[in-house]
Amino acid sequence: MEFITITMLFSLFIIVSSFFLFTSAADGRRKNLPLPPGTLGWPYIGETFELYSQNPNVFFTSKVKKYGSIFKTHILGCRCVMISSPAAAKLVLVTKSHLFKPTFPASKERMIGKQAIFFHQGDYHFKLRRLVLRAFTPESIKHMVSHIESITIDALQSWENRLINTFQEMKTFTFNVALLSILGNDEVLNRDDLKRCYYILEKGYNSMPINLPGTLFHKSMKARKELAKIIAKIISRRRETKEQHNDLLGSFMEDKEGLTDEQIADNVIGVIFAARDTTASVLTWIIKYLAENPAVLEAVTDEQQAIKMSKDECNEDKGLSWVDTKKMPITSRVIQETLRVASILSFTFREAVEDVQFEGYLIPKGWKVLPLFRNIHHSEENFCDPEKFDPSRFMVAPKPNTFMPFGSGIHSCPGNELAKLEILVLVHHLTTKYRWSVVGAQNGIQYAPFALPQNGLPIKLSLK
């Protein structure tokens, strides 16, 4: 039954795609502007396989070499224009951002929730962004250092003397930190149920949106309903106790903001989604790059050891403080260089809200526009010897609009300070207390959908 349904949908997509290809071309003639150069591949399938079956650098580089910094393609069922110059990326994400709205696959929008911050522009988006930023400002997350440190110590101890899949373990670590930042102390009471439901939900993020019994999407949507019920119970309990909370849920629940329970649930689930896999991917790459670059590892270890020794000399037994995390410039540069080289997000999706004239070309309304972060981060025009892992390059600020690991403009990631904090805390305890070795092949990269070391980077961890 599912196979028949997918086949029928696939046929429909071919018909619809062919129609839009015709009408879009007609729009181009009417405007007397050409579409950007490039190829669209097969109807609906387009060039999806060419992009996702290999290192995305190969696909992007070949296209830029053949067509220039702006070209059209067709991936994931969408007609797209890809751009790879810093100036064009700034125009789409900042200067003319009102012409390009964020967009996601339909399955992901339904699973996260249509009221989540990612899917909106205008006043509603502005209000949500303000609420999220208020909960994740440096001033707001200062008090979380000791709690994140506790989660870090527990995680590292659980990895001692055994073979672990780094990415999977980092996903658990970042999930626990995300729950702490969103729900505060309430996460302890609900962690197991939240984790169980969310782990089922995330398996369907990139599935076909077919809500029939037995399909992955159907299972995920059931878990999503249960997840919303758990969040609703937490909200109800907080309203009964009338206690003040400084976490993200507390920010969402302020009466003057007027958010409904459904809007709050959608945005809680959305923040978990945003906070988990990307940060886990960065941590995985940091461990790989430190293992491959002994001189960098030594410099980071010396920096972290100096902080530890200064606290020992003062007989401080309080663990890390916010001030300590500001004494880690070398480690911070390692994070920046990892974000650049790994480029966890190869691109971001935007959608033209109207016909747009762009660098002498027409981008028809409804077409996706993809700023290529990976290309920008790996361009020799922007970074000398771009394939080399060299944190020292960030001793000098990069050129404007050439380093955008968290996006840019009004839709840039509002949780980047929290992500950096949890990475710094983990790297501190990892380098001062442990040694590790990578097991198996060390050069392979997999793409599903983030770029990751092969097999999630299996390592063995032991106390020094």
Foldseek 3Di string as FASTA:
>chain_A
DVVVVVVVVVVVQQVVQVVVVVVVCVVCVVVVFAAAADFACHRQQKCACVCAVDPNCVVVVVCCVVRNQWHWTAHNSFTEIEGEDLVQLCCCFAVVVVQWAFDDPPLQCVLLDVLALRHDDDPSNVLLLVLLLQLQPCVNCQVCLLVLLVLLVVLQVVQAFDKDLQLVSQLVSQLVLLCCQAPNPVCVVCVVLLVVLVVLQVVCNPPDCDCDPPDSSVSNNVSSVVNLVVLVVSLVVCVVVVDQDSHSLNSVPPVVSPDDSSSSSSHSSVSSVVRGNVLSQLLLLLVLVCQVDVVLLVVQLVQLVVLVVVCVVVVHPSADGPVSLVSRPSVVLSSQLSCLQQVQPQWGWIFRCAWDQDPRHTDHGGHIYIHGLNSLSQDCVFDPPSNDRDSVVPVPPTDPSSRQSQRDHSNGDSNVSVSSSSSSSNSSCPSNWKDKDFPDDSPDWHPPPTTHTPSSTIMHMHTD
